[in-house]
C-alpha cells in the first residue's frame, strides 16, 4: 500500500482546471484535492448535474489523475464567523454573499457546505476538507477578558451550525476534515479536542492535519498525530519557517506573506522547520492510508518549481518511511 500524493488546487485557482490537471499529470502527481473556487469545481452544480460531474472526471482521466478529496475552505469559513465583513466578500461567491446580511451569509454558506457533501459523493470522494469559521477567534488574545461562558457559547454556536451540515455528510457517506488552523474553532491541540467534543465525536467530523500551522505555535505534530489518530482524515504537506530575531513576532504584525519582517511564513515543503521523517513514521504507526496533499503556499518561490519539488520530497520520504503495510506485504510474500 502506497499513500497517494495529490496536489491541492486552491492556490492554483487563477488557472483553468484543465491547465492545473495537465500540469499535475505531467509532474507525476497521483491525483488532486480539488478546490471549490475558481473554475475548478462548482459544488452546487456538481450536486445536481451529472454531465458536469462526468466532465470533471474526464479531465482527470485524460491526465492520469484521480480525485481523492475536494476542498471548500472559503465557504466553510463563513458558517460560524463573527463578524462577517469585507474580508468575506472577497472570498465568497455572489450566491453565498447575497446582500451581505451576516446571518443570511452564514445560512447560505451552510447550505453550500451541504451541497459540497453531495458533490463529493457524486464524484466518488469520501473526504471534504475545509474550514468551519469561529465566532470566538476574535477573543484569542483574551483581552478584553473573555468569560468561560462566552467561549462555551462559541463552541455551542459551532455545534448548532455544523451538526445539520454533518447530518447531510452522514446521509451521503462523506466525511468533513477541518483543517486545524488559526481563525478556526480548532486552531491548536486543546481547541481541536474541544471542537471534537462539541459535536459529540461524530464519525463524519475529523481533522485535516497540516503541521505548518503547528510549528510556529511550538506544537508537536507527532504528538498531535498520536493523540488524534482516529480523527486524521486527510494530510496537507507544506511548511512554515520561524523568522524570530527579536523584532519579528509570531502573530505576523499584519504584514503580507514573504515580508522579511514577519515572524513566520509559509515555504515550500523541504525548506522549513517541519521534520517530515518522524511525521511520516507517525502516519505509518497510526495506520493512515489516505492522501498526502501538497499545498503550495510559498510567496517567495515560483510555484512551477515549488510544486514538483515538493512532490519529489514526498516521494523520497515514502521510500525512507514506507507505510507499515509495505513491511507486512514483504514478509508475507516470503
C-alpha atoms as a PDB file:
ATOM      1  CA  UNK A   1       0.000   0.000   0.000  1.00  0.00           C
ATOM      2  CA  UNK A   2       1.331   3.403  -1.032  1.00  0.00           C
ATOM      3  CA  UNK A   3      -0.304   6.618   0.067  1.00  0.00           C
ATOM      4  CA  UNK A   4      -1.354   8.686  -2.979  1.00  0.00           C
ATOM      5  CA  UNK A   5       0.330  12.061  -3.399  1.00  0.00           C
ATOM      6  CA  UNK A   6      -2.043  14.779  -4.542  1.00  0.00           C
ATOM      7  CA  UNK A   7      -1.897  18.466  -5.408  1.00  0.00           C
ATOM      8  CA  UNK A   8      -4.276  20.833  -3.617  1.00  0.00           C
ATOM      9  CA  UNK A   9      -5.605  23.135  -6.319  1.00  0.00           C
ATOM     10  CA  UNK A  10      -6.621  26.001  -4.018  1.00  0.00           C
ATOM     11  CA  UNK A  11      -3.572  28.135  -4.755  1.00  0.00           C
ATOM     12  CA  UNK A  12      -3.914  27.450  -8.488  1.00  0.00           C
ATOM     13  CA  UNK A  13      -7.467  28.716  -8.901  1.00  0.00           C
ATOM     14  CA  UNK A  14      -6.285  31.573 -11.119  1.00  0.00           C
ATOM     15  CA  UNK A  15      -5.597  28.900 -13.757  1.00  0.00           C
ATOM     16  CA  UNK A  16      -8.300  26.893 -15.540  1.00  0.00           C
ATOM     17  CA  UNK A  17      -8.936  23.475 -14.027  1.00  0.00           C
ATOM     18  CA  UNK A  18      -7.849  21.758 -17.240  1.00  0.00           C
ATOM     19  CA  UNK A  19      -4.475  23.509 -17.095  1.00  0.00           C
ATOM     20  CA  UNK A  20      -3.870  22.581 -13.458  1.00  0.00           C
ATOM     21  CA  UNK A  21      -4.771  18.968 -14.208  1.00  0.00           C
ATOM     22  CA  UNK A  22      -2.367  18.971 -17.151  1.00  0.00           C
ATOM     23  CA  UNK A  23       0.486  20.308 -15.014  1.00  0.00           C
ATOM     24  CA  UNK A  24      -0.172  17.886 -12.155  1.00  0.00           C
ATOM     25  CA  UNK A  25      -0.322  14.952 -14.541  1.00  0.00           C
ATOM     26  CA  UNK A  26       2.921  15.925 -16.265  1.00  0.00           C
ATOM     27  CA  UNK A  27       4.687  16.325 -12.917  1.00  0.00           C
ATOM     28  CA  UNK A  28       3.563  12.854 -11.820  1.00  0.00           C
ATOM     29  CA  UNK A  29       1.013  13.515  -9.082  1.00  0.00           C
ATOM     30  CA  UNK A  30      -1.389  10.672  -8.387  1.00  0.00           C
ATOM     31  CA  UNK A  31      -4.396  12.947  -8.179  1.00  0.00           C
ATOM     32  CA  UNK A  32      -5.900  16.173  -6.938  1.00  0.00           C
ATOM     33  CA  UNK A  33      -7.574  17.690  -3.925  1.00  0.00           C
ATOM     34  CA  UNK A  34      -9.938  19.891  -5.912  1.00  0.00           C
ATOM     35  CA  UNK A  35     -10.805  23.337  -4.583  1.00  0.00           C
ATOM     36  CA  UNK A  36     -14.376  24.629  -4.836  1.00  0.00           C
ATOM     37  CA  UNK A  37     -13.366  28.029  -6.198  1.00  0.00           C
ATOM     38  CA  UNK A  38     -12.082  29.472  -9.433  1.00  0.00           C
ATOM     39  CA  UNK A  39     -13.477  27.268 -12.189  1.00  0.00           C
ATOM     40  CA  UNK A  40     -12.160  24.106 -10.538  1.00  0.00           C
ATOM     41  CA  UNK A  41     -15.388  22.860  -9.003  1.00  0.00           C
ATOM     42  CA  UNK A  42     -18.833  24.379  -8.530  1.00  0.00           C
ATOM     43  CA  UNK A  43     -20.236  22.312  -5.642  1.00  0.00           C
ATOM     44  CA  UNK A  44     -23.867  23.241  -6.278  1.00  0.00           C
ATOM     45  CA  UNK A  45     -23.634  22.330  -9.958  1.00  0.00           C
ATOM     46  CA  UNK A  46     -21.796  19.122  -9.134  1.00  0.00           C
ATOM     47  CA  UNK A  47     -24.551  18.210  -6.665  1.00  0.00           C
ATOM     48  CA  UNK A  48     -27.241  18.198  -9.376  1.00  0.00           C
ATOM     49  CA  UNK A  49     -25.625  17.962 -12.835  1.00  0.00           C
ATOM     50  CA  UNK A  50     -24.433  14.529 -13.985  1.00  0.00           C
ATOM     51  CA  UNK A  51     -22.817  15.862 -17.157  1.00  0.00           C
ATOM     52  CA  UNK A  52     -20.761  18.399 -15.187  1.00  0.00           C
ATOM     53  CA  UNK A  53     -19.515  15.699 -12.815  1.00  0.00           C
ATOM     54  CA  UNK A  54     -18.558  13.492 -15.745  1.00  0.00           C
ATOM     55  CA  UNK A  55     -16.736  16.399 -17.386  1.00  0.00           C
ATOM     56  CA  UNK A  56     -14.570  16.846 -14.280  1.00  0.00           C
ATOM     57  CA  UNK A  57     -13.850  13.119 -14.136  1.00  0.00           C
ATOM     58  CA  UNK A  58     -12.975  13.033 -17.847  1.00  0.00           C
ATOM     59  CA  UNK A  59     -10.420  15.824 -17.386  1.00  0.00           C
ATOM     60  CA  UNK A  60      -8.811  13.878 -14.552  1.00  0.00           C
ATOM     61  CA  UNK A  61      -8.714  10.636 -16.522  1.00  0.00           C
ATOM     62  CA  UNK A  62      -7.210  12.386 -19.538  1.00  0.00           C
ATOM     63  CA  UNK A  63      -4.276  13.460 -17.362  1.00  0.00           C
ATOM     64  CA  UNK A  64      -3.833  10.188 -15.473  1.00  0.00           C
ATOM     65  CA  UNK A  65      -5.246  11.587 -12.244  1.00  0.00           C
ATOM     66  CA  UNK A  66      -7.879  10.714  -9.654  1.00  0.00           C
ATOM     67  CA  UNK A  67      -9.727  12.925  -7.189  1.00  0.00           C
ATOM     68  CA  UNK A  68      -9.110  11.952  -3.569  1.00  0.00           C
ATOM     69  CA  UNK A  69     -10.704  14.933  -1.796  1.00  0.00           C
ATOM     70  CA  UNK A  70     -12.482  18.189  -2.518  1.00  0.00           C
ATOM     71  CA  UNK A  71     -11.886  21.354  -0.520  1.00  0.00           C
ATOM     72  CA  UNK A  72     -14.268  24.154   0.408  1.00  0.00           C
ATOM     73  CA  UNK A  73     -12.343  26.239   2.918  1.00  0.00           C
ATOM     74  CA  UNK A  74     -13.624  29.625   1.747  1.00  0.00           C
ATOM     75  CA  UNK A  75     -17.329  28.902   2.074  1.00  0.00           C
ATOM     76  CA  UNK A  76     -16.910  26.906   5.282  1.00  0.00           C
ATOM     77  CA  UNK A  77     -15.220  29.912   6.865  1.00  0.00           C
ATOM     78  CA  UNK A  78     -18.444  31.907   6.672  1.00  0.00           C
ATOM     79  CA  UNK A  79     -20.599  29.345   8.501  1.00  0.00           C
ATOM     80  CA  UNK A  80     -19.528  30.427  12.002  1.00  0.00           C
ATOM     81  CA  UNK A  81     -17.547  33.637  11.594  1.00  0.00           C
ATOM     82  CA  UNK A  82     -18.468  36.749  13.536  1.00  0.00           C
ATOM     83  CA  UNK A  83     -18.116  39.388  12.289  1.00  0.00           C
ATOM     84  CA  UNK A  84     -18.949  38.801   8.624  1.00  0.00           C
ATOM     85  CA  UNK A  85     -17.332  41.693   6.789  1.00  0.00           C
ATOM     86  CA  UNK A  86     -15.430  42.868   3.716  1.00  0.00           C
ATOM     87  CA  UNK A  87     -12.904  40.030   4.096  1.00  0.00           C
ATOM     88  CA  UNK A  88     -15.670  37.527   3.416  1.00  0.00           C
ATOM     89  CA  UNK A  89     -16.966  39.489   0.436  1.00  0.00           C
ATOM     90  CA  UNK A  90     -13.521  38.925  -1.116  1.00  0.00           C
ATOM     91  CA  UNK A  91     -13.606  35.114  -0.731  1.00  0.00           C
ATOM     92  CA  UNK A  92     -17.263  34.165  -1.195  1.00  0.00           C
ATOM     93  CA  UNK A  93     -19.301  33.587  -4.318  1.00  0.00           C
ATOM     94  CA  UNK A  94     -22.015  36.088  -5.211  1.00  0.00           C
ATOM     95  CA  UNK A  95     -24.614  33.456  -4.389  1.00  0.00           C
ATOM     96  CA  UNK A  96     -23.351  32.908  -0.849  1.00  0.00           C
ATOM     97  CA  UNK A  97     -22.680  36.597  -0.184  1.00  0.00           C
ATOM     98  CA  UNK A  98     -26.120  37.710  -1.426  1.00  0.00           C
ATOM     99  CA  UNK A  99     -26.962  41.084   0.110  1.00  0.00           C
ATOM    100  CA  UNK A 100     -24.213  40.726   2.733  1.00  0.00           C
ATOM    101  CA  UNK A 101     -26.562  40.419   5.703  1.00  0.00           C
ATOM    102  CA  UNK A 102     -24.348  38.483   8.170  1.00  0.00           C
ATOM    103  CA  UNK A 103     -26.832  35.861   9.279  1.00  0.00           C
ATOM    104  CA  UNK A 104     -28.007  35.368   5.725  1.00  0.00           C
ATOM    105  CA  UNK A 105     -24.409  34.800   4.642  1.00  0.00           C
ATOM    106  CA  UNK A 106     -23.952  32.191   7.379  1.00  0.00           C
ATOM    107  CA  UNK A 107     -27.132  30.356   6.403  1.00  0.00           C
ATOM    108  CA  UNK A 108     -26.282  30.338   2.687  1.00  0.00           C
ATOM    109  CA  UNK A 109     -22.751  29.157   3.466  1.00  0.00           C
ATOM    110  CA  UNK A 110     -24.182  26.274   5.484  1.00  0.00           C
ATOM    111  CA  UNK A 111     -26.410  25.238   2.583  1.00  0.00           C
ATOM    112  CA  UNK A 112     -23.424  25.432   0.231  1.00  0.00           C
ATOM    113  CA  UNK A 113     -21.462  23.105   2.515  1.00  0.00           C
ATOM    114  CA  UNK A 114     -24.326  20.612   2.367  1.00  0.00           C
ATOM    115  CA  UNK A 115     -24.109  20.783  -1.437  1.00  0.00           C
ATOM    116  CA  UNK A 116     -20.366  20.202  -1.134  1.00  0.00           C
ATOM    117  CA  UNK A 117     -21.021  16.906   0.633  1.00  0.00           C
ATOM    118  CA  UNK A 118     -23.448  15.895  -2.102  1.00  0.00           C
ATOM    119  CA  UNK A 119     -20.975  16.905  -4.803  1.00  0.00           C
ATOM    120  CA  UNK A 120     -18.238  14.833  -3.169  1.00  0.00           C
ATOM    121  CA  UNK A 121     -20.458  11.768  -3.108  1.00  0.00           C
ATOM    122  CA  UNK A 122     -21.304  12.161  -6.794  1.00  0.00           C
ATOM    123  CA  UNK A 123     -17.596  12.413  -7.616  1.00  0.00           C
ATOM    124  CA  UNK A 124     -16.886   9.242  -5.643  1.00  0.00           C
ATOM    125  CA  UNK A 125     -14.968  11.186  -2.990  1.00  0.00           C
ATOM    126  CA  UNK A 126     -15.077  10.270   0.698  1.00  0.00           C
ATOM    127  CA  UNK A 127     -13.482  13.391   2.231  1.00  0.00           C
ATOM    128  CA  UNK A 128     -14.158  17.116   2.094  1.00  0.00           C
ATOM    129  CA  UNK A 129     -11.504  19.357   3.611  1.00  0.00           C
ATOM    130  CA  UNK A 130     -12.185  22.863   4.799  1.00  0.00           C
ATOM    131  CA  UNK A 131     -12.705  25.457   7.479  1.00  0.00           C
ATOM    132  CA  UNK A 132     -15.567  25.996   9.913  1.00  0.00           C
ATOM    133  CA  UNK A 133     -15.071  29.613  10.895  1.00  0.00           C
ATOM    134  CA  UNK A 134     -15.373  30.676  14.529  1.00  0.00           C
ATOM    135  CA  UNK A 135     -17.385  33.244  16.458  1.00  0.00           C
ATOM    136  CA  UNK A 136     -14.726  33.327  19.201  1.00  0.00           C
ATOM    137  CA  UNK A 137     -11.443  33.524  17.271  1.00  0.00           C
ATOM    138  CA  UNK A 138     -11.714  37.292  17.814  1.00  0.00           C
ATOM    139  CA  UNK A 139     -11.227  36.577  21.544  1.00  0.00           C
ATOM    140  CA  UNK A 140      -7.982  34.654  21.109  1.00  0.00           C
ATOM    141  CA  UNK A 141      -5.913  37.418  22.739  1.00  0.00           C
ATOM    142  CA  UNK A 142      -8.168  37.127  25.825  1.00  0.00           C
ATOM    143  CA  UNK A 143      -8.349  40.894  26.274  1.00  0.00           C
ATOM    144  CA  UNK A 144     -10.774  42.369  26.874  1.00  0.00           C
ATOM    145  CA  UNK A 145     -11.187  39.278  29.032  1.00  0.00           C
ATOM    146  CA  UNK A 146     -13.399  36.588  27.501  1.00  0.00           C
ATOM    147  CA  UNK A 147     -15.527  34.765  30.042  1.00  0.00           C
ATOM    148  CA  UNK A 148     -15.795  30.987  30.038  1.00  0.00           C
ATOM    149  CA  UNK A 149     -19.481  31.471  29.209  1.00  0.00           C
ATOM    150  CA  UNK A 150     -18.561  33.410  26.063  1.00  0.00           C
ATOM    151  CA  UNK A 151     -16.134  30.704  24.957  1.00  0.00           C
ATOM    152  CA  UNK A 152     -18.686  27.993  25.668  1.00  0.00           C
ATOM    153  CA  UNK A 153     -21.256  29.876  23.560  1.00  0.00           C
ATOM    154  CA  UNK A 154     -18.731  29.856  20.720  1.00  0.00           C
ATOM    155  CA  UNK A 155     -18.413  26.069  20.780  1.00  0.00           C
ATOM    156  CA  UNK A 156     -22.185  25.714  21.100  1.00  0.00           C
ATOM    157  CA  UNK A 157     -22.668  28.014  18.109  1.00  0.00           C
ATOM    158  CA  UNK A 158     -20.241  25.838  16.145  1.00  0.00           C
ATOM    159  CA  UNK A 159     -22.128  22.677  17.104  1.00  0.00           C
ATOM    160  CA  UNK A 160     -25.525  24.207  16.355  1.00  0.00           C
ATOM    161  CA  UNK A 161     -24.460  25.360  12.907  1.00  0.00           C
ATOM    162  CA  UNK A 162     -22.394  22.339  11.866  1.00  0.00           C
ATOM    163  CA  UNK A 163     -24.489  19.439  13.157  1.00  0.00           C
ATOM    164  CA  UNK A 164     -27.175  19.962  10.476  1.00  0.00           C
ATOM    165  CA  UNK A 165     -24.411  20.136   7.847  1.00  0.00           C
ATOM    166  CA  UNK A 166     -22.865  16.935   9.193  1.00  0.00           C
ATOM    167  CA  UNK A 167     -26.267  15.256   9.018  1.00  0.00           C
ATOM    168  CA  UNK A 168     -26.028  15.614   5.235  1.00  0.00           C
ATOM    169  CA  UNK A 169     -22.447  14.329   5.256  1.00  0.00           C
ATOM    170  CA  UNK A 170     -23.744  11.265   7.116  1.00  0.00           C
ATOM    171  CA  UNK A 171     -26.587  10.794   4.637  1.00  0.00           C
ATOM    172  CA  UNK A 172     -24.272  10.694   1.615  1.00  0.00           C
ATOM    173  CA  UNK A 173     -21.393   8.802   3.262  1.00  0.00           C
ATOM    174  CA  UNK A 174     -18.801  11.596   3.183  1.00  0.00           C
ATOM    175  CA  UNK A 175     -16.535  12.909   5.978  1.00  0.00           C
ATOM    176  CA  UNK A 176     -15.581  16.510   6.755  1.00  0.00           C
ATOM    177  CA  UNK A 177     -11.947  17.190   7.715  1.00  0.00           C
ATOM    178  CA  UNK A 178     -11.477  20.525   9.493  1.00  0.00           C
ATOM    179  CA  UNK A 179      -8.044  21.976   8.875  1.00  0.00           C
ATOM    180  CA  UNK A 180      -6.700  22.904  12.324  1.00  0.00           C
ATOM    181  CA  UNK A 181      -5.701  26.464  11.575  1.00  0.00           C
ATOM    182  CA  UNK A 182      -5.672  29.991  13.007  1.00  0.00           C
ATOM    183  CA  UNK A 183      -9.119  31.655  12.784  1.00  0.00           C
ATOM    184  CA  UNK A 184     -10.947  28.303  13.098  1.00  0.00           C
ATOM    185  CA  UNK A 185     -12.890  26.834  16.011  1.00  0.00           C
ATOM    186  CA  UNK A 186      -9.920  24.433  16.307  1.00  0.00           C
ATOM    187  CA  UNK A 187      -6.502  26.046  15.866  1.00  0.00           C
ATOM    188  CA  UNK A 188      -4.258  24.060  18.251  1.00  0.00           C
ATOM    189  CA  UNK A 189      -4.236  20.880  20.380  1.00  0.00           C
ATOM    190  CA  UNK A 190      -6.743  21.808  23.071  1.00  0.00           C
ATOM    191  CA  UNK A 191      -9.155  23.613  20.780  1.00  0.00           C
ATOM    192  CA  UNK A 192      -9.159  20.586  18.451  1.00  0.00           C
ATOM    193  CA  UNK A 193     -10.077  18.402  21.421  1.00  0.00           C
ATOM    194  CA  UNK A 194     -12.854  20.759  22.449  1.00  0.00           C
ATOM    195  CA  UNK A 195     -14.257  21.040  18.906  1.00  0.00           C
ATOM    196  CA  UNK A 196     -14.490  17.247  18.618  1.00  0.00           C
ATOM    197  CA  UNK A 197     -16.266  17.123  21.967  1.00  0.00           C
ATOM    198  CA  UNK A 198     -18.679  19.892  20.910  1.00  0.00           C
ATOM    199  CA  UNK A 199     -20.105  17.721  18.102  1.00  0.00           C
ATOM    200  CA  UNK A 200     -20.057  14.551  20.176  1.00  0.00           C
ATOM    201  CA  UNK A 201     -17.150  12.969  18.278  1.00  0.00           C
ATOM    202  CA  UNK A 202     -19.363  12.383  15.263  1.00  0.00           C
ATOM    203  CA  UNK A 203     -17.937   9.844  12.830  1.00  0.00           C
ATOM    204  CA  UNK A 204     -18.314  12.261   9.927  1.00  0.00           C
ATOM    205  CA  UNK A 205     -16.271  15.024  11.597  1.00  0.00           C
ATOM    206  CA  UNK A 206     -12.489  14.813  11.774  1.00  0.00           C
ATOM    207  CA  UNK A 207      -9.316  16.724  11.050  1.00  0.00           C
ATOM    208  CA  UNK A 208      -7.093  17.738   8.179  1.00  0.00           C
ATOM    209  CA  UNK A 209      -3.539  17.514   9.552  1.00  0.00           C
ATOM    210  CA  UNK A 210      -1.237  20.307   8.371  1.00  0.00           C
ATOM    211  CA  UNK A 211       1.885  20.638  10.530  1.00  0.00           C
ATOM    212  CA  UNK A 212       2.788  24.033   9.064  1.00  0.00           C
ATOM    213  CA  UNK A 213       0.139  25.515  11.369  1.00  0.00           C
ATOM    214  CA  UNK A 214       1.673  23.832  14.415  1.00  0.00           C
ATOM    215  CA  UNK A 215       5.376  24.642  14.130  1.00  0.00           C
ATOM    216  CA  UNK A 216       5.098  28.403  14.564  1.00  0.00           C
ATOM    217  CA  UNK A 217       2.919  27.774  17.650  1.00  0.00           C
ATOM    218  CA  UNK A 218       5.583  25.420  19.106  1.00  0.00           C
ATOM    219  CA  UNK A 219       3.223  22.432  18.976  1.00  0.00           C
ATOM    220  CA  UNK A 220       4.453  18.880  18.413  1.00  0.00           C
ATOM    221  CA  UNK A 221       2.985  17.466  15.159  1.00  0.00           C
ATOM    222  CA  UNK A 222       3.917  13.869  16.031  1.00  0.00           C
ATOM    223  CA  UNK A 223       2.164  14.044  19.410  1.00  0.00           C
ATOM    224  CA  UNK A 224      -0.884  15.503  17.661  1.00  0.00           C
ATOM    225  CA  UNK A 225      -0.985  12.564  15.243  1.00  0.00           C
ATOM    226  CA  UNK A 226      -0.625  10.061  18.057  1.00  0.00           C
ATOM    227  CA  UNK A 227      -3.385  11.562  20.195  1.00  0.00           C
ATOM    228  CA  UNK A 228      -5.875  12.297  17.411  1.00  0.00           C
ATOM    229  CA  UNK A 229      -5.117   9.226  15.291  1.00  0.00           C
ATOM    230  CA  UNK A 230      -8.729   8.068  14.687  1.00  0.00           C
ATOM    231  CA  UNK A 231      -9.717  11.555  13.546  1.00  0.00           C
ATOM    232  CA  UNK A 232      -6.938  12.185  10.999  1.00  0.00           C
ATOM    233  CA  UNK A 233      -8.947  12.122   7.777  1.00  0.00           C
ATOM    234  CA  UNK A 234      -6.555  13.945   5.463  1.00  0.00           C
ATOM    235  CA  UNK A 235      -2.984  15.332   5.388  1.00  0.00           C
ATOM    236  CA  UNK A 236      -1.543  18.508   3.861  1.00  0.00           C
ATOM    237  CA  UNK A 237       2.142  18.804   3.048  1.00  0.00           C
ATOM    238  CA  UNK A 238       3.538  22.299   3.348  1.00  0.00           C
ATOM    239  CA  UNK A 239       5.859  24.065   5.764  1.00  0.00           C
ATOM    240  CA  UNK A 240       6.248  27.145   7.859  1.00  0.00           C
ATOM    241  CA  UNK A 241       9.500  28.756   8.885  1.00  0.00           C
ATOM    242  CA  UNK A 242      10.144  30.795  12.011  1.00  0.00           C
ATOM    243  CA  UNK A 243      11.947  34.087  11.443  1.00  0.00           C
ATOM    244  CA  UNK A 244      12.203  35.236  15.047  1.00  0.00           C
ATOM    245  CA  UNK A 245      15.054  37.686  15.519  1.00  0.00           C
ATOM    246  CA  UNK A 246      13.990  39.835  18.456  1.00  0.00           C
ATOM    247  CA  UNK A 247      11.881  42.154  16.297  1.00  0.00           C
ATOM    248  CA  UNK A 248       9.700  39.735  14.341  1.00  0.00           C
ATOM    249  CA  UNK A 249       6.698  38.380  16.246  1.00  0.00           C
ATOM    250  CA  UNK A 250       4.764  35.133  15.980  1.00  0.00           C
ATOM    251  CA  UNK A 251       1.485  36.880  15.173  1.00  0.00           C
ATOM    252  CA  UNK A 252       2.767  38.309  11.877  1.00  0.00           C
ATOM    253  CA  UNK A 253       2.394  42.024  12.626  1.00  0.00           C
ATOM    254  CA  UNK A 254      -0.325  42.480   9.936  1.00  0.00           C
ATOM    255  CA  UNK A 255       2.409  42.101   7.316  1.00  0.00           C
ATOM    256  CA  UNK A 256       1.953  40.277   3.986  1.00  0.00           C
ATOM    257  CA  UNK A 257       3.379  36.844   3.252  1.00  0.00           C
ATOM    258  CA  UNK A 258       7.074  36.858   2.244  1.00  0.00           C
ATOM    259  CA  UNK A 259       7.720  40.147   4.073  1.00  0.00           C
ATOM    260  CA  UNK A 260      11.032  39.576   5.918  1.00  0.00           C
ATOM    261  CA  UNK A 261       9.657  41.361   8.986  1.00  0.00           C
ATOM    262  CA  UNK A 262       7.113  38.591   9.595  1.00  0.00           C
ATOM    263  CA  UNK A 263       7.956  36.274  12.465  1.00  0.00           C
ATOM    264  CA  UNK A 264       6.824  33.260  10.436  1.00  0.00           C
ATOM    265  CA  UNK A 265       5.928  32.444   6.865  1.00  0.00           C
ATOM    266  CA  UNK A 266       4.911  29.571   4.623  1.00  0.00           C
ATOM    267  CA  UNK A 267       7.608  27.955   2.500  1.00  0.00           C
ATOM    268  CA  UNK A 268       7.839  25.086   0.051  1.00  0.00           C
ATOM    269  CA  UNK A 269       7.966  21.622   1.617  1.00  0.00           C
ATOM    270  CA  UNK A 270      11.547  20.719   2.420  1.00  0.00           C
ATOM    271  CA  UNK A 271      12.612  24.310   3.077  1.00  0.00           C
ATOM    272  CA  UNK A 272      11.101  24.983   6.506  1.00  0.00           C
ATOM    273  CA  UNK A 273      11.052  23.856  10.114  1.00  0.00           C
ATOM    274  CA  UNK A 274       8.835  20.778   9.771  1.00  0.00           C
ATOM    275  CA  UNK A 275      10.645  17.498  10.432  1.00  0.00           C
ATOM    276  CA  UNK A 276       8.875  15.252   7.968  1.00  0.00           C
ATOM    277  CA  UNK A 277      10.520  11.872   8.525  1.00  0.00           C
ATOM    278  CA  UNK A 278       9.175  11.405  12.089  1.00  0.00           C
ATOM    279  CA  UNK A 279       5.791  12.663  10.862  1.00  0.00           C
ATOM    280  CA  UNK A 280       5.687  10.045   8.106  1.00  0.00           C
ATOM    281  CA  UNK A 281       6.743   7.359  10.587  1.00  0.00           C
ATOM    282  CA  UNK A 282       3.922   8.523  12.882  1.00  0.00           C
ATOM    283  CA  UNK A 283       1.454   8.341   9.984  1.00  0.00           C
ATOM    284  CA  UNK A 284       2.593   4.742   9.493  1.00  0.00           C
ATOM    285  CA  UNK A 285       2.176   3.969  13.174  1.00  0.00           C
ATOM    286  CA  UNK A 286      -1.402   5.268  13.303  1.00  0.00           C
ATOM    287  CA  UNK A 287      -2.295   3.417  10.108  1.00  0.00           C
ATOM    288  CA  UNK A 288      -3.086   6.468   7.995  1.00  0.00           C
ATOM    289  CA  UNK A 289      -3.669   5.325   4.402  1.00  0.00           C
ATOM    290  CA  UNK A 290      -5.131   8.476   2.844  1.00  0.00           C
ATOM    291  CA  UNK A 291      -3.528  11.001   0.531  1.00  0.00           C
ATOM    292  CA  UNK A 292      -0.693  13.363   1.328  1.00  0.00           C
ATOM    293  CA  UNK A 293      -1.724  16.550  -0.441  1.00  0.00           C
ATOM    294  CA  UNK A 294       0.932  19.057  -1.472  1.00  0.00           C
ATOM    295  CA  UNK A 295      -0.256  22.597  -0.737  1.00  0.00           C
ATOM    296  CA  UNK A 296       1.932  25.189  -2.394  1.00  0.00           C
ATOM    297  CA  UNK A 297       1.754  28.480  -0.477  1.00  0.00           C
ATOM    298  CA  UNK A 298       5.274  29.892  -0.755  1.00  0.00           C
ATOM    299  CA  UNK A 299       5.096  33.520  -1.870  1.00  0.00           C
ATOM    300  CA  UNK A 300       8.871  33.550  -2.238  1.00  0.00           C
ATOM    301  CA  UNK A 301       9.178  30.677  -4.727  1.00  0.00           C
ATOM    302  CA  UNK A 302       7.808  30.104  -8.218  1.00  0.00           C
ATOM    303  CA  UNK A 303       5.038  27.534  -7.792  1.00  0.00           C
ATOM    304  CA  UNK A 304       6.020  25.847 -11.061  1.00  0.00           C
ATOM    305  CA  UNK A 305       9.282  24.999  -9.295  1.00  0.00           C
ATOM    306  CA  UNK A 306       7.957  24.501  -5.765  1.00  0.00           C
ATOM    307  CA  UNK A 307       5.122  22.076  -6.525  1.00  0.00           C
ATOM    308  CA  UNK A 308       7.150  19.437  -8.398  1.00  0.00           C
ATOM    309  CA  UNK A 309       9.983  19.886  -5.904  1.00  0.00           C
ATOM    310  CA  UNK A 310       7.575  19.097  -3.070  1.00  0.00           C
ATOM    311  CA  UNK A 311       6.307  16.059  -4.949  1.00  0.00           C
ATOM    312  CA  UNK A 312       9.872  14.749  -5.231  1.00  0.00           C
ATOM    313  CA  UNK A 313      10.399  15.290  -1.498  1.00  0.00           C
ATOM    314  CA  UNK A 314       7.267  13.344  -0.588  1.00  0.00           C
ATOM    315  CA  UNK A 315       8.225  10.507  -2.945  1.00  0.00           C
ATOM    316  CA  UNK A 316      11.621  10.327  -1.231  1.00  0.00           C
ATOM    317  CA  UNK A 317      10.007  10.306   2.219  1.00  0.00           C
ATOM    318  CA  UNK A 318       7.721   7.496   1.150  1.00  0.00           C
ATOM    319  CA  UNK A 319      10.813   5.467   0.299  1.00  0.00           C
ATOM    320  CA  UNK A 320      12.544   6.273   3.599  1.00  0.00           C
ATOM    321  CA  UNK A 321       9.481   5.652   5.747  1.00  0.00           C
ATOM    322  CA  UNK A 322       7.198   3.273   3.819  1.00  0.00           C
ATOM    323  CA  UNK A 323       3.786   2.505   5.286  1.00  0.00           C
ATOM    324  CA  UNK A 324       3.674  -0.411   7.721  1.00  0.00           C
ATOM    325  CA  UNK A 325       1.565  -2.390   5.231  1.00  0.00           C
ATOM    326  CA  UNK A 326       4.575  -2.448   2.906  1.00  0.00           C
ATOM    327  CA  UNK A 327       6.553  -4.391   5.519  1.00  0.00           C
ATOM    328  CA  UNK A 328       3.625  -6.741   6.097  1.00  0.00           C
ATOM    329  CA  UNK A 329       3.394  -7.457   2.387  1.00  0.00           C
ATOM    330  CA  UNK A 330       7.131  -8.032   2.068  1.00  0.00           C
ATOM    331  CA  UNK A 331       7.211 -10.553   4.916  1.00  0.00           C
ATOM    332  CA  UNK A 332       4.012 -12.346   3.873  1.00  0.00           C
ATOM    333  CA  UNK A 333       5.442 -12.826   0.383  1.00  0.00           C
ATOM    334  CA  UNK A 334       8.340 -14.760   1.928  1.00  0.00           C
END
